[in-house]
Amino acid sequence: MEKNINFIVEENENNLRVDVLINKREELISRTRIKNLILNEKLKLNDEIIKNPSKKIFTGDKLSLNIPEPQKASLKPYNFKLEIIYEDNDLLVINKPAGIIMHPGAGNYDKTIVNALMHYDKNSLSTIGDELRPGIIHRIDKNTSGLVVIAKNNKTHENLSKQFSDHIITRVYQLLIWGKLRPSSGKIDTFITRSSKNRQLMEVSQSKGKRAITNYKTIEIFENDKTPTLSLVECKLETGRTHQIRVHMTHMGNSIVGDDKYKKKYKKLKNIDTGLERLISKLDRQFLHAKTLGFIHPKTKGKMIFSSILPQELNNLLKMLRNTSE
């Protein structure tokens, strides 16, 4: 049901951002949801509507936040078999294949993970986000595979959203890159912002955007006269920015195999094993897989950790690389 929350800014809260203050006072409401409410004109500051989540507030200011009743999703169910790794009354963990997007958006409104969830059980999804994204707390790209957690109710959604915003979720990815990383393991700590040249892409910035931190380590290097140099890498995320790993690997000069947005499409390579060349050229996705996902269960408070194996098309490529490297 709809409710209003009213605050008077105290002395020790002077000069805070308004979204930070609300999040400190109402810990169960995620920063993301607070931001969306403010952008949707649900916040009044001293009886005037404000739409800037970063606006500074001062001692004595009066705030009133309207939290509307969650919208019911009006989505067409999609008969798509979900690979469910775990399920209870509060959440689902699914292993998403490459080739399907998480939720409806421009160009695709009915063949998404959300539509598949509506077909699976439309009455057991959280409703506090965008009405086209019931249950969705986080996303992985269309052509990335791997583990995703889905919220079945609003309390779970808020709790897991806060774990994401507090950067306490465990997320480990495996990827195959061109070349070798130098150093072979380390931490990439940059800002990521929208590209000035292409609004659909992101890029590293020295001063603007959101801070993005990726810890990486090289697992295996494939290097001989039959193959270009390639490396199997593991990345552990401290933050979860749009295209974070793809942008960070490109920034290092080692873009992900099969990533046609952050690297030009596959070109014929000299002196390469023909079987390997065929596998790489036919890969219609990036070699990026969300392998491990861990979080604190919102209800039981127990630590949960899930792991998934590489999809067959990626594993086949690794097998071929290992054979040609022998």
C-alpha atoms as a PDB file:
ATOM      1  CA  MET A   1       0.000   0.000   0.000  1.00  0.00           C
ATOM      2  CA  GLU A   2       1.017   3.615  -0.551  1.00  0.00           C
ATOM      3  CA  LYS A   3       2.782   5.421   2.298  1.00  0.00           C
ATOM      4  CA  ASN A   4       4.521   8.700   3.087  1.00  0.00           C
ATOM      5  CA  ILE A   5       7.732   9.059   5.084  1.00  0.00           C
ATOM      6  CA  ASN A   6       8.490  12.439   6.662  1.00  0.00           C
ATOM      7  CA  PHE A   7      11.861  13.656   7.973  1.00  0.00           C
ATOM      8  CA  ILE A   8      13.309  16.755   9.571  1.00  0.00           C
ATOM      9  CA  VAL A   9      17.040  17.013   8.890  1.00  0.00           C
ATOM     10  CA  GLU A  10      19.070  16.919  12.113  1.00  0.00           C
ATOM     11  CA  GLU A  11      22.299  18.774  12.818  1.00  0.00           C
ATOM     12  CA  ASN A  12      24.546  15.766  12.274  1.00  0.00           C
ATOM     13  CA  GLU A  13      22.941  15.246   8.834  1.00  0.00           C
ATOM     14  CA  ASN A  14      23.695  18.759   7.573  1.00  0.00           C
ATOM     15  CA  ASN A  15      25.091  18.911   4.006  1.00  0.00           C
ATOM     16  CA  LEU A  16      24.383  15.257   3.191  1.00  0.00           C
ATOM     17  CA  ARG A  17      23.034  14.210  -0.212  1.00  0.00           C
ATOM     18  CA  VAL A  18      19.278  13.730   0.058  1.00  0.00           C
ATOM     19  CA  ASP A  19      19.404  10.118  -1.243  1.00  0.00           C
ATOM     20  CA  VAL A  20      22.139   9.269   1.283  1.00  0.00           C
ATOM     21  CA  LEU A  21      20.099  10.716   4.154  1.00  0.00           C
ATOM     22  CA  ILE A  22      16.969   8.766   3.216  1.00  0.00           C
ATOM     23  CA  ASN A  23      19.007   5.575   2.865  1.00  0.00           C
ATOM     24  CA  LYS A  24      20.572   6.123   6.325  1.00  0.00           C
ATOM     25  CA  ARG A  25      17.149   6.652   7.879  1.00  0.00           C
ATOM     26  CA  GLU A  26      15.364   3.904   5.936  1.00  0.00           C
ATOM     27  CA  GLU A  27      17.931   1.131   5.554  1.00  0.00           C
ATOM     28  CA  LEU A  28      15.491  -1.315   3.989  1.00  0.00           C
ATOM     29  CA  ILE A  29      14.948   0.977   0.993  1.00  0.00           C
ATOM     30  CA  SER A  30      17.773   0.584  -1.511  1.00  0.00           C
ATOM     31  CA  ARG A  31      19.651   3.597  -2.911  1.00  0.00           C
ATOM     32  CA  THR A  32      18.487   2.556  -6.380  1.00  0.00           C
ATOM     33  CA  ARG A  33      14.833   2.643  -5.387  1.00  0.00           C
ATOM     34  CA  ILE A  34      15.259   5.953  -3.550  1.00  0.00           C
ATOM     35  CA  LYS A  35      16.878   7.433  -6.661  1.00  0.00           C
ATOM     36  CA  ASN A  36      14.024   6.202  -8.865  1.00  0.00           C
ATOM     37  CA  LEU A  37      11.406   7.622  -6.508  1.00  0.00           C
ATOM     38  CA  ILE A  38      13.140  11.021  -6.544  1.00  0.00           C
ATOM     39  CA  LEU A  39      13.469  11.013 -10.354  1.00  0.00           C
ATOM     40  CA  ASN A  40       9.745  10.190 -10.532  1.00  0.00           C
ATOM     41  CA  GLU A  41       8.913  13.333  -8.467  1.00  0.00           C
ATOM     42  CA  LYS A  42       7.955  11.488  -5.268  1.00  0.00           C
ATOM     43  CA  LEU A  43      10.101  13.651  -2.953  1.00  0.00           C
ATOM     44  CA  LYS A  44       9.286  17.077  -1.543  1.00  0.00           C
ATOM     45  CA  LEU A  45      11.905  19.310   0.096  1.00  0.00           C
ATOM     46  CA  ASN A  46      10.306  22.074   2.169  1.00  0.00           C
ATOM     47  CA  ASP A  47       7.039  21.423   0.265  1.00  0.00           C
ATOM     48  CA  GLU A  48       8.655  21.698  -3.176  1.00  0.00           C
ATOM     49  CA  ILE A  49       9.153  18.703  -5.481  1.00  0.00           C
ATOM     50  CA  ILE A  50      12.816  17.994  -6.239  1.00  0.00           C
ATOM     51  CA  LYS A  51      14.145  15.608  -8.886  1.00  0.00           C
ATOM     52  CA  ASN A  52      17.858  15.608  -8.024  1.00  0.00           C
ATOM     53  CA  PRO A  53      18.969  12.613  -5.869  1.00  0.00           C
ATOM     54  CA  SER A  54      22.337  14.284  -5.154  1.00  0.00           C
ATOM     55  CA  LYS A  55      20.869  17.544  -3.853  1.00  0.00           C
ATOM     56  CA  LYS A  56      22.438  18.619  -0.543  1.00  0.00           C
ATOM     57  CA  ILE A  57      20.134  19.160   2.436  1.00  0.00           C
ATOM     58  CA  PHE A  58      20.583  21.285   5.552  1.00  0.00           C
ATOM     59  CA  THR A  59      19.644  21.224   9.225  1.00  0.00           C
ATOM     60  CA  GLY A  60      15.938  21.882   9.700  1.00  0.00           C
ATOM     61  CA  ASP A  61      14.924  21.004   6.128  1.00  0.00           C
ATOM     62  CA  LYS A  62      11.646  19.120   5.879  1.00  0.00           C
ATOM     63  CA  LEU A  63      11.486  16.081   3.601  1.00  0.00           C
ATOM     64  CA  SER A  64       8.442  14.097   2.526  1.00  0.00           C
ATOM     65  CA  LEU A  65       8.877  10.938   0.448  1.00  0.00           C
ATOM     66  CA  ASN A  66       5.864   9.315  -1.183  1.00  0.00           C
ATOM     67  CA  ILE A  67       6.214   5.567  -1.760  1.00  0.00           C
ATOM     68  CA  PRO A  68       3.416   4.493  -4.117  1.00  0.00           C
ATOM     69  CA  GLU A  69       1.846   1.066  -4.104  1.00  0.00           C
ATOM     70  CA  PRO A  70       3.941  -1.269  -6.261  1.00  0.00           C
ATOM     71  CA  GLN A  71       2.702  -1.630  -9.823  1.00  0.00           C
ATOM     72  CA  LYS A  72       1.518  -4.973 -11.097  1.00  0.00           C
ATOM     73  CA  ALA A  73       3.521  -6.140 -14.073  1.00  0.00           C
ATOM     74  CA  SER A  74       1.477  -6.504 -17.256  1.00  0.00           C
ATOM     75  CA  LEU A  75       3.793  -8.801 -19.149  1.00  0.00           C
ATOM     76  CA  LYS A  76       3.241 -11.524 -21.695  1.00  0.00           C
ATOM     77  CA  PRO A  77       4.443 -14.932 -20.431  1.00  0.00           C
ATOM     78  CA  TYR A  78       7.177 -16.570 -22.537  1.00  0.00           C
ATOM     79  CA  ASN A  79       7.412 -20.358 -22.630  1.00  0.00           C
ATOM     80  CA  PHE A  80      11.173 -20.615 -22.132  1.00  0.00           C
ATOM     81  CA  LYS A  81      12.743 -23.312 -19.965  1.00  0.00           C
ATOM     82  CA  LEU A  82      14.637 -21.699 -17.109  1.00  0.00           C
ATOM     83  CA  GLU A  83      17.613 -23.534 -15.633  1.00  0.00           C
ATOM     84  CA  ILE A  84      16.814 -23.153 -11.942  1.00  0.00           C
ATOM     85  CA  ILE A  85      19.804 -23.816  -9.679  1.00  0.00           C
ATOM     86  CA  TYR A  86      18.017 -23.063  -6.393  1.00  0.00           C
ATOM     87  CA  GLU A  87      14.551 -22.006  -5.275  1.00  0.00           C
ATOM     88  CA  ASP A  88      12.784 -21.294  -1.984  1.00  0.00           C
ATOM     89  CA  ASN A  89       9.871 -19.077  -0.893  1.00  0.00           C
ATOM     90  CA  ASP A  90      11.961 -15.912  -1.145  1.00  0.00           C
ATOM     91  CA  LEU A  91      14.246 -16.197  -4.146  1.00  0.00           C
ATOM     92  CA  LEU A  92      15.376 -18.058  -7.239  1.00  0.00           C
ATOM     93  CA  VAL A  93      18.884 -18.551  -8.583  1.00  0.00           C
ATOM     94  CA  ILE A  94      18.933 -19.212 -12.316  1.00  0.00           C
ATOM     95  CA  ASN A  95      21.690 -20.032 -14.788  1.00  0.00           C
ATOM     96  CA  LYS A  96      21.013 -17.684 -17.719  1.00  0.00           C
ATOM     97  CA  PRO A  97      22.127 -18.812 -21.176  1.00  0.00           C
ATOM     98  CA  ALA A  98      23.661 -16.375 -23.645  1.00  0.00           C
ATOM     99  CA  GLY A  99      21.306 -14.907 -26.240  1.00  0.00           C
ATOM    100  CA  ILE A 100      18.434 -13.801 -24.007  1.00  0.00           C
ATOM    101  CA  ILE A 101      18.088 -10.415 -22.307  1.00  0.00           C
ATOM    102  CA  MET A 102      17.061  -9.984 -18.683  1.00  0.00           C
ATOM    103  CA  HIS A 103      14.002  -7.742 -19.035  1.00  0.00           C
ATOM    104  CA  PRO A 104      11.853  -6.012 -21.681  1.00  0.00           C
ATOM    105  CA  GLY A 105      13.259  -2.954 -23.388  1.00  0.00           C
ATOM    106  CA  ALA A 106      13.440  -1.242 -26.754  1.00  0.00           C
ATOM    107  CA  GLY A 107      13.201  -3.832 -29.515  1.00  0.00           C
ATOM    108  CA  ASN A 108      12.297  -6.803 -27.293  1.00  0.00           C
ATOM    109  CA  TYR A 109       9.228  -6.765 -25.084  1.00  0.00           C
ATOM    110  CA  ASP A 110       8.234 -10.404 -24.814  1.00  0.00           C
ATOM    111  CA  LYS A 111      11.173 -12.832 -25.135  1.00  0.00           C
ATOM    112  CA  THR A 112      13.174 -12.061 -22.013  1.00  0.00           C
ATOM    113  CA  ILE A 113      14.036 -13.683 -18.683  1.00  0.00           C
ATOM    114  CA  VAL A 114      11.271 -11.624 -17.037  1.00  0.00           C
ATOM    115  CA  ASN A 115       8.695 -12.986 -19.515  1.00  0.00           C
ATOM    116  CA  ALA A 116      10.006 -16.506 -18.824  1.00  0.00           C
ATOM    117  CA  LEU A 117       9.607 -15.861 -15.081  1.00  0.00           C
ATOM    118  CA  MET A 118       6.029 -14.684 -15.679  1.00  0.00           C
ATOM    119  CA  HIS A 119       5.353 -17.992 -17.442  1.00  0.00           C
ATOM    120  CA  TYR A 120       7.039 -19.947 -14.641  1.00  0.00           C
ATOM    121  CA  ASP A 121       5.206 -18.262 -11.750  1.00  0.00           C
ATOM    122  CA  LYS A 122       3.813 -14.784 -12.328  1.00  0.00           C
ATOM    123  CA  ASN A 123       2.445 -14.484  -8.782  1.00  0.00           C
ATOM    124  CA  SER A 124       5.810 -14.910  -7.034  1.00  0.00           C
ATOM    125  CA  LEU A 125       7.949 -11.961  -8.091  1.00  0.00           C
ATOM    126  CA  SER A 126       8.830  -8.730  -6.309  1.00  0.00           C
ATOM    127  CA  THR A 127       7.020  -5.635  -7.614  1.00  0.00           C
ATOM    128  CA  ILE A 128       8.958  -2.669  -6.243  1.00  0.00           C
ATOM    129  CA  GLY A 129      11.077  -1.903  -9.284  1.00  0.00           C
ATOM    130  CA  ASP A 130      10.110  -0.821 -12.774  1.00  0.00           C
ATOM    131  CA  GLU A 131       6.905  -2.670 -13.753  1.00  0.00           C
ATOM    132  CA  LEU A 132       8.792  -4.272 -16.659  1.00  0.00           C
ATOM    133  CA  ARG A 133      11.396  -5.723 -14.283  1.00  0.00           C
ATOM    134  CA  PRO A 134       9.562  -7.752 -11.603  1.00  0.00           C
ATOM    135  CA  GLY A 135      12.013  -9.753  -9.505  1.00  0.00           C
ATOM    136  CA  ILE A 136      15.088  -8.295 -11.208  1.00  0.00           C
ATOM    137  CA  ILE A 137      17.767  -7.106  -8.765  1.00  0.00           C
ATOM    138  CA  HIS A 138      20.804  -7.257 -11.060  1.00  0.00           C
ATOM    139  CA  ARG A 139      21.530  -7.998 -14.703  1.00  0.00           C
ATOM    140  CA  ILE A 140      24.027  -9.732 -16.919  1.00  0.00           C
ATOM    141  CA  ASP A 141      24.347  -8.829 -20.590  1.00  0.00           C
ATOM    142  CA  LYS A 142      22.394 -10.584 -23.346  1.00  0.00           C
ATOM    143  CA  ASN A 143      25.438 -12.414 -24.702  1.00  0.00           C
ATOM    144  CA  THR A 144      26.853 -13.289 -21.265  1.00  0.00           C
ATOM    145  CA  SER A 145      25.788 -16.478 -19.477  1.00  0.00           C
ATOM    146  CA  GLY A 146      25.702 -17.405 -15.819  1.00  0.00           C
ATOM    147  CA  LEU A 147      24.132 -17.021 -12.413  1.00  0.00           C
ATOM    148  CA  VAL A 148      21.474 -14.470 -11.493  1.00  0.00           C
ATOM    149  CA  VAL A 149      19.385 -14.162  -8.308  1.00  0.00           C
ATOM    150  CA  ILE A 150      15.687 -13.253  -8.621  1.00  0.00           C
ATOM    151  CA  ALA A 151      13.562 -11.849  -5.766  1.00  0.00           C
ATOM    152  CA  LYS A 152      10.155 -13.415  -5.121  1.00  0.00           C
ATOM    153  CA  ASN A 153       8.934 -10.722  -2.741  1.00  0.00           C
ATOM    154  CA  ASN A 154       9.606  -7.079  -1.959  1.00  0.00           C
ATOM    155  CA  LYS A 155      11.351  -7.661   1.363  1.00  0.00           C
ATOM    156  CA  THR A 156      13.858  -9.988  -0.318  1.00  0.00           C
ATOM    157  CA  HIS A 157      14.293  -7.514  -3.184  1.00  0.00           C
ATOM    158  CA  GLU A 158      15.117  -4.634  -0.831  1.00  0.00           C
ATOM    159  CA  ASN A 159      17.525  -6.744   1.231  1.00  0.00           C
ATOM    160  CA  LEU A 160      19.441  -8.126  -1.764  1.00  0.00           C
ATOM    161  CA  SER A 161      19.504  -4.689  -3.446  1.00  0.00           C
ATOM    162  CA  LYS A 162      21.169  -3.319  -0.332  1.00  0.00           C
ATOM    163  CA  GLN A 163      23.744  -6.146  -0.391  1.00  0.00           C
ATOM    164  CA  PHE A 164      24.532  -5.202  -3.994  1.00  0.00           C
ATOM    165  CA  SER A 165      24.794  -1.486  -3.184  1.00  0.00           C
ATOM    166  CA  ASP A 166      27.006  -2.286  -0.170  1.00  0.00           C
ATOM    167  CA  HIS A 167      29.248  -4.414  -2.448  1.00  0.00           C
ATOM    168  CA  ILE A 168      29.009  -7.527  -0.263  1.00  0.00           C
ATOM    169  CA  ILE A 169      27.725  -9.862  -3.000  1.00  0.00           C
ATOM    170  CA  THR A 170      30.280 -12.404  -4.284  1.00  0.00           C
ATOM    171  CA  ARG A 171      30.475 -12.387  -8.094  1.00  0.00           C
ATOM    172  CA  VAL A 172      33.150 -14.300  -9.991  1.00  0.00           C
ATOM    173  CA  TYR A 173      33.316 -14.470 -13.794  1.00  0.00           C
ATOM    174  CA  GLN A 174      35.416 -16.563 -16.172  1.00  0.00           C
ATOM    175  CA  LEU A 175      36.473 -15.103 -19.513  1.00  0.00           C
ATOM    176  CA  LEU A 176      38.797 -15.719 -22.429  1.00  0.00           C
ATOM    177  CA  ILE A 177      40.760 -12.707 -23.636  1.00  0.00           C
ATOM    178  CA  TRP A 178      43.092 -11.896 -26.513  1.00  0.00           C
ATOM    179  CA  GLY A 179      46.736 -11.756 -25.448  1.00  0.00           C
ATOM    180  CA  LYS A 180      48.182 -11.767 -21.927  1.00  0.00           C
ATOM    181  CA  LEU A 181      47.388  -9.467 -19.021  1.00  0.00           C
ATOM    182  CA  ARG A 182      50.302  -7.541 -17.549  1.00  0.00           C
ATOM    183  CA  PRO A 183      50.598  -7.956 -14.652  1.00  0.00           C
ATOM    184  CA  SER A 184      49.023 -11.418 -14.803  1.00  0.00           C
ATOM    185  CA  SER A 185      46.885 -10.663 -11.742  1.00  0.00           C
ATOM    186  CA  GLY A 186      45.858  -7.464 -10.019  1.00  0.00           C
ATOM    187  CA  LYS A 187      43.135  -4.898  -9.395  1.00  0.00           C
ATOM    188  CA  ILE A 188      41.630  -2.478 -11.932  1.00  0.00           C
ATOM    189  CA  ASP A 189      40.197   0.599 -10.194  1.00  0.00           C
ATOM    190  CA  THR A 190      38.765   3.281 -12.501  1.00  0.00           C
ATOM    191  CA  PHE A 191      35.674   5.337 -13.208  1.00  0.00           C
ATOM    192  CA  ILE A 192      33.309   4.090 -15.906  1.00  0.00           C
ATOM    193  CA  THR A 193      31.017   6.439 -17.804  1.00  0.00           C
ATOM    194  CA  ARG A 194      28.933   6.388 -20.974  1.00  0.00           C
ATOM    195  CA  SER A 195      31.014   6.681 -24.142  1.00  0.00           C
ATOM    196  CA  SER A 196      31.058  10.112 -25.726  1.00  0.00           C
ATOM    197  CA  LYS A 197      31.309   8.477 -29.173  1.00  0.00           C
ATOM    198  CA  ASN A 198      28.636   5.785 -28.834  1.00  0.00           C
ATOM    199  CA  ARG A 199      25.892   6.110 -26.208  1.00  0.00           C
ATOM    200  CA  GLN A 200      25.344   2.333 -26.213  1.00  0.00           C
ATOM    201  CA  LEU A 201      28.878   1.711 -24.964  1.00  0.00           C
ATOM    202  CA  MET A 202      30.745   2.542 -21.772  1.00  0.00           C
ATOM    203  CA  GLU A 203      34.345   3.703 -21.330  1.00  0.00           C
ATOM    204  CA  VAL A 204      36.978   4.285 -18.664  1.00  0.00           C
ATOM    205  CA  SER A 205      37.242   7.859 -17.437  1.00  0.00           C
ATOM    206  CA  GLN A 206      39.807   9.512 -15.201  1.00  0.00           C
ATOM    207  CA  SER A 207      37.343  11.816 -13.481  1.00  0.00           C
ATOM    208  CA  LYS A 208      33.654  11.199 -14.205  1.00  0.00           C
ATOM    209  CA  GLY A 209      31.149   8.378 -13.966  1.00  0.00           C
ATOM    210  CA  LYS A 210      30.951   5.660 -11.304  1.00  0.00           C
ATOM    211  CA  ARG A 211      33.856   3.978  -9.575  1.00  0.00           C
ATOM    212  CA  ALA A 212      34.418   0.438 -10.846  1.00  0.00           C
ATOM    213  CA  ILE A 213      36.713  -2.157  -9.247  1.00  0.00           C
ATOM    214  CA  THR A 214      37.644  -5.492 -10.831  1.00  0.00           C
ATOM    215  CA  ASN A 215      40.043  -7.995  -9.250  1.00  0.00           C
ATOM    216  CA  TYR A 216      41.500 -10.360 -11.827  1.00  0.00           C
ATOM    217  CA  LYS A 217      43.872 -13.312 -12.083  1.00  0.00           C
ATOM    218  CA  THR A 218      45.151 -15.279 -15.068  1.00  0.00           C
ATOM    219  CA  ILE A 219      44.259 -18.980 -14.828  1.00  0.00           C
ATOM    220  CA  GLU A 220      45.740 -20.342 -18.066  1.00  0.00           C
ATOM    221  CA  ILE A 221      47.675 -18.992 -21.074  1.00  0.00           C
ATOM    222  CA  PHE A 222      47.435 -20.543 -24.557  1.00  0.00           C
ATOM    223  CA  GLU A 223      50.489 -19.633 -26.585  1.00  0.00           C
ATOM    224  CA  ASN A 224      52.064 -21.507 -29.525  1.00  0.00           C
ATOM    225  CA  ASP A 225      52.612 -21.229 -33.265  1.00  0.00           C
ATOM    226  CA  LYS A 226      49.178 -22.717 -34.059  1.00  0.00           C
ATOM    227  CA  THR A 227      47.132 -20.186 -32.123  1.00  0.00           C
ATOM    228  CA  PRO A 228      47.083 -16.489 -31.348  1.00  0.00           C
ATOM    229  CA  THR A 229      47.936 -15.851 -27.678  1.00  0.00           C
ATOM    230  CA  LEU A 230      44.824 -16.195 -25.534  1.00  0.00           C
ATOM    231  CA  SER A 231      44.309 -16.222 -21.755  1.00  0.00           C
ATOM    232  CA  LEU A 232      41.653 -17.734 -19.512  1.00  0.00           C
ATOM    233  CA  VAL A 233      41.005 -15.188 -16.752  1.00  0.00           C
ATOM    234  CA  GLU A 234      38.917 -15.025 -13.582  1.00  0.00           C
ATOM    235  CA  CYS A 235      37.450 -11.701 -12.463  1.00  0.00           C
ATOM    236  CA  LYS A 236      35.976 -10.999  -9.041  1.00  0.00           C
ATOM    237  CA  LEU A 237      33.835  -7.863  -8.938  1.00  0.00           C
ATOM    238  CA  GLU A 238      33.789  -5.367  -6.086  1.00  0.00           C
ATOM    239  CA  THR A 239      31.298  -3.202  -7.998  1.00  0.00           C
ATOM    240  CA  GLY A 240      28.792  -4.039 -10.716  1.00  0.00           C
ATOM    241  CA  ARG A 241      28.803  -1.336 -13.376  1.00  0.00           C
ATOM    242  CA  THR A 242      27.322  -1.669 -16.862  1.00  0.00           C
ATOM    243  CA  HIS A 243      29.696  -3.745 -19.063  1.00  0.00           C
ATOM    244  CA  GLN A 244      32.326  -3.460 -16.277  1.00  0.00           C
ATOM    245  CA  ILE A 245      34.505  -6.473 -17.131  1.00  0.00           C
ATOM    246  CA  ARG A 246      34.229  -5.879 -20.882  1.00  0.00           C
ATOM    247  CA  VAL A 247      35.261  -2.230 -20.474  1.00  0.00           C
ATOM    248  CA  HIS A 248      38.099  -3.013 -18.043  1.00  0.00           C
ATOM    249  CA  MET A 249      39.565  -5.753 -20.256  1.00  0.00           C
ATOM    250  CA  THR A 250      39.434  -3.449 -23.294  1.00  0.00           C
ATOM    251  CA  HIS A 251      41.078  -0.731 -21.189  1.00  0.00           C
ATOM    252  CA  MET A 252      43.917  -3.176 -20.433  1.00  0.00           C
ATOM    253  CA  GLY A 253      44.289  -3.882 -24.178  1.00  0.00           C
ATOM    254  CA  ASN A 254      42.913  -7.437 -23.863  1.00  0.00           C
ATOM    255  CA  SER A 255      39.322  -7.492 -25.076  1.00  0.00           C
ATOM    256  CA  ILE A 256      37.137 -10.567 -24.576  1.00  0.00           C
ATOM    257  CA  VAL A 257      36.966 -13.188 -27.333  1.00  0.00           C
ATOM    258  CA  GLY A 258      33.629 -12.898 -29.152  1.00  0.00           C
ATOM    259  CA  ASP A 259      32.839  -9.396 -27.866  1.00  0.00           C
ATOM    260  CA  ASP A 260      31.862  -7.543 -31.047  1.00  0.00           C
ATOM    261  CA  LYS A 261      30.913  -4.313 -29.275  1.00  0.00           C
ATOM    262  CA  TYR A 262      34.246  -3.640 -27.603  1.00  0.00           C
ATOM    263  CA  LYS A 263      36.372  -5.194 -30.341  1.00  0.00           C
ATOM    264  CA  LYS A 264      35.978  -5.337 -34.088  1.00  0.00           C
ATOM    265  CA  LYS A 265      34.353  -8.515 -35.362  1.00  0.00           C
ATOM    266  CA  TYR A 266      36.552 -11.564 -35.822  1.00  0.00           C
ATOM    267  CA  LYS A 267      39.114 -11.293 -38.612  1.00  0.00           C
ATOM    268  CA  LYS A 268      40.964 -14.186 -40.238  1.00  0.00           C
ATOM    269  CA  LEU A 269      44.186 -14.910 -38.389  1.00  0.00           C
ATOM    270  CA  LYS A 270      47.360 -16.225 -39.978  1.00  0.00           C
ATOM    271  CA  ASN A 271      48.795 -19.627 -39.062  1.00  0.00           C
ATOM    272  CA  ILE A 272      45.823 -20.637 -36.916  1.00  0.00           C
ATOM    273  CA  ASP A 273      44.486 -24.171 -36.530  1.00  0.00           C
ATOM    274  CA  THR A 274      41.462 -24.416 -38.853  1.00  0.00           C
ATOM    275  CA  GLY A 275      39.236 -26.133 -36.272  1.00  0.00           C
ATOM    276  CA  LEU A 276      40.007 -23.451 -33.703  1.00  0.00           C
ATOM    277  CA  GLU A 277      39.433 -20.704 -36.252  1.00  0.00           C
ATOM    278  CA  ARG A 278      36.022 -22.148 -37.081  1.00  0.00           C
ATOM    279  CA  LEU A 279      34.988 -22.280 -33.403  1.00  0.00           C
ATOM    280  CA  ILE A 280      36.080 -18.690 -32.746  1.00  0.00           C
ATOM    281  CA  SER A 281      34.470 -17.297 -35.901  1.00  0.00           C
ATOM    282  CA  LYS A 282      31.151 -19.035 -35.143  1.00  0.00           C
ATOM    283  CA  LEU A 283      31.004 -17.858 -31.525  1.00  0.00           C
ATOM    284  CA  ASP A 284      27.929 -15.627 -31.464  1.00  0.00           C
ATOM    285  CA  ARG A 285      28.524 -14.382 -27.912  1.00  0.00           C
ATOM    286  CA  GLN A 286      31.360 -13.076 -25.758  1.00  0.00           C
ATOM    287  CA  PHE A 287      33.384 -15.644 -23.821  1.00  0.00           C
ATOM    288  CA  LEU A 288      32.146 -14.318 -20.465  1.00  0.00           C
ATOM    289  CA  HIS A 289      30.378 -16.445 -17.864  1.00  0.00           C
ATOM    290  CA  ALA A 290      29.073 -15.495 -14.410  1.00  0.00           C
ATOM    291  CA  LYS A 291      30.462 -18.583 -12.679  1.00  0.00           C
ATOM    292  CA  THR A 292      29.984 -17.905  -8.947  1.00  0.00           C
ATOM    293  CA  LEU A 293      27.332 -15.964  -7.021  1.00  0.00           C
ATOM    294  CA  GLY A 294      27.221 -15.580  -3.236  1.00  0.00           C
ATOM    295  CA  PHE A 295      25.030 -13.578  -0.840  1.00  0.00           C
ATOM    296  CA  ILE A 296      23.473 -13.605   2.623  1.00  0.00           C
ATOM    297  CA  HIS A 297      19.979 -15.094   2.542  1.00  0.00           C
ATOM    298  CA  PRO A 298      17.605 -12.252   3.510  1.00  0.00           C
ATOM    299  CA  LYS A 299      15.481 -14.454   5.774  1.00  0.00           C
ATOM    300  CA  THR A 300      17.761 -17.166   7.202  1.00  0.00           C
ATOM    301  CA  LYS A 301      20.860 -14.878   7.290  1.00  0.00           C
ATOM    302  CA  GLY A 302      22.926 -17.865   6.134  1.00  0.00           C
ATOM    303  CA  LYS A 303      25.714 -17.414   3.578  1.00  0.00           C
ATOM    304  CA  MET A 304      24.730 -18.916   0.228  1.00  0.00           C
ATOM    305  CA  ILE A 305      27.223 -19.605  -2.561  1.00  0.00           C
ATOM    306  CA  PHE A 306      26.417 -21.050  -5.983  1.00  0.00           C
ATOM    307  CA  SER A 307      28.683 -22.130  -8.819  1.00  0.00           C
ATOM    308  CA  SER A 308      28.023 -23.122 -12.434  1.00  0.00           C
ATOM    309  CA  ILE A 309      30.075 -24.820 -15.135  1.00  0.00           C
ATOM    310  CA  LEU A 310      31.002 -23.180 -18.424  1.00  0.00           C
ATOM    311  CA  PRO A 311      28.405 -23.612 -21.195  1.00  0.00           C
ATOM    312  CA  GLN A 312      29.260 -26.251 -23.803  1.00  0.00           C
ATOM    313  CA  GLU A 313      30.158 -23.784 -26.567  1.00  0.00           C
ATOM    314  CA  LEU A 314      32.755 -22.132 -24.312  1.00  0.00           C
ATOM    315  CA  ASN A 315      34.082 -25.404 -22.938  1.00  0.00           C
ATOM    316  CA  ASN A 316      34.500 -26.754 -26.487  1.00  0.00           C
ATOM    317  CA  LEU A 317      36.674 -23.773 -27.347  1.00  0.00           C
ATOM    318  CA  LEU A 318      38.857 -24.353 -24.271  1.00  0.00           C
ATOM    319  CA  LYS A 319      39.229 -28.061 -25.140  1.00  0.00           C
ATOM    320  CA  MET A 320      40.324 -27.153 -28.659  1.00  0.00           C
ATOM    321  CA  LEU A 321      42.842 -24.634 -27.292  1.00  0.00           C
ATOM    322  CA  ARG A 322      44.279 -27.203 -24.891  1.00  0.00           C
ATOM    323  CA  ASN A 323      44.595 -29.782 -27.669  1.00  0.00           C
ATOM    324  CA  THR A 324      46.363 -27.380 -30.018  1.00  0.00           C
ATOM    325  CA  SER A 325      48.645 -26.232 -27.224  1.00  0.00           C
ATOM    326  CA  GLU A 326      49.923 -29.733 -26.458  1.00  0.00           C
END
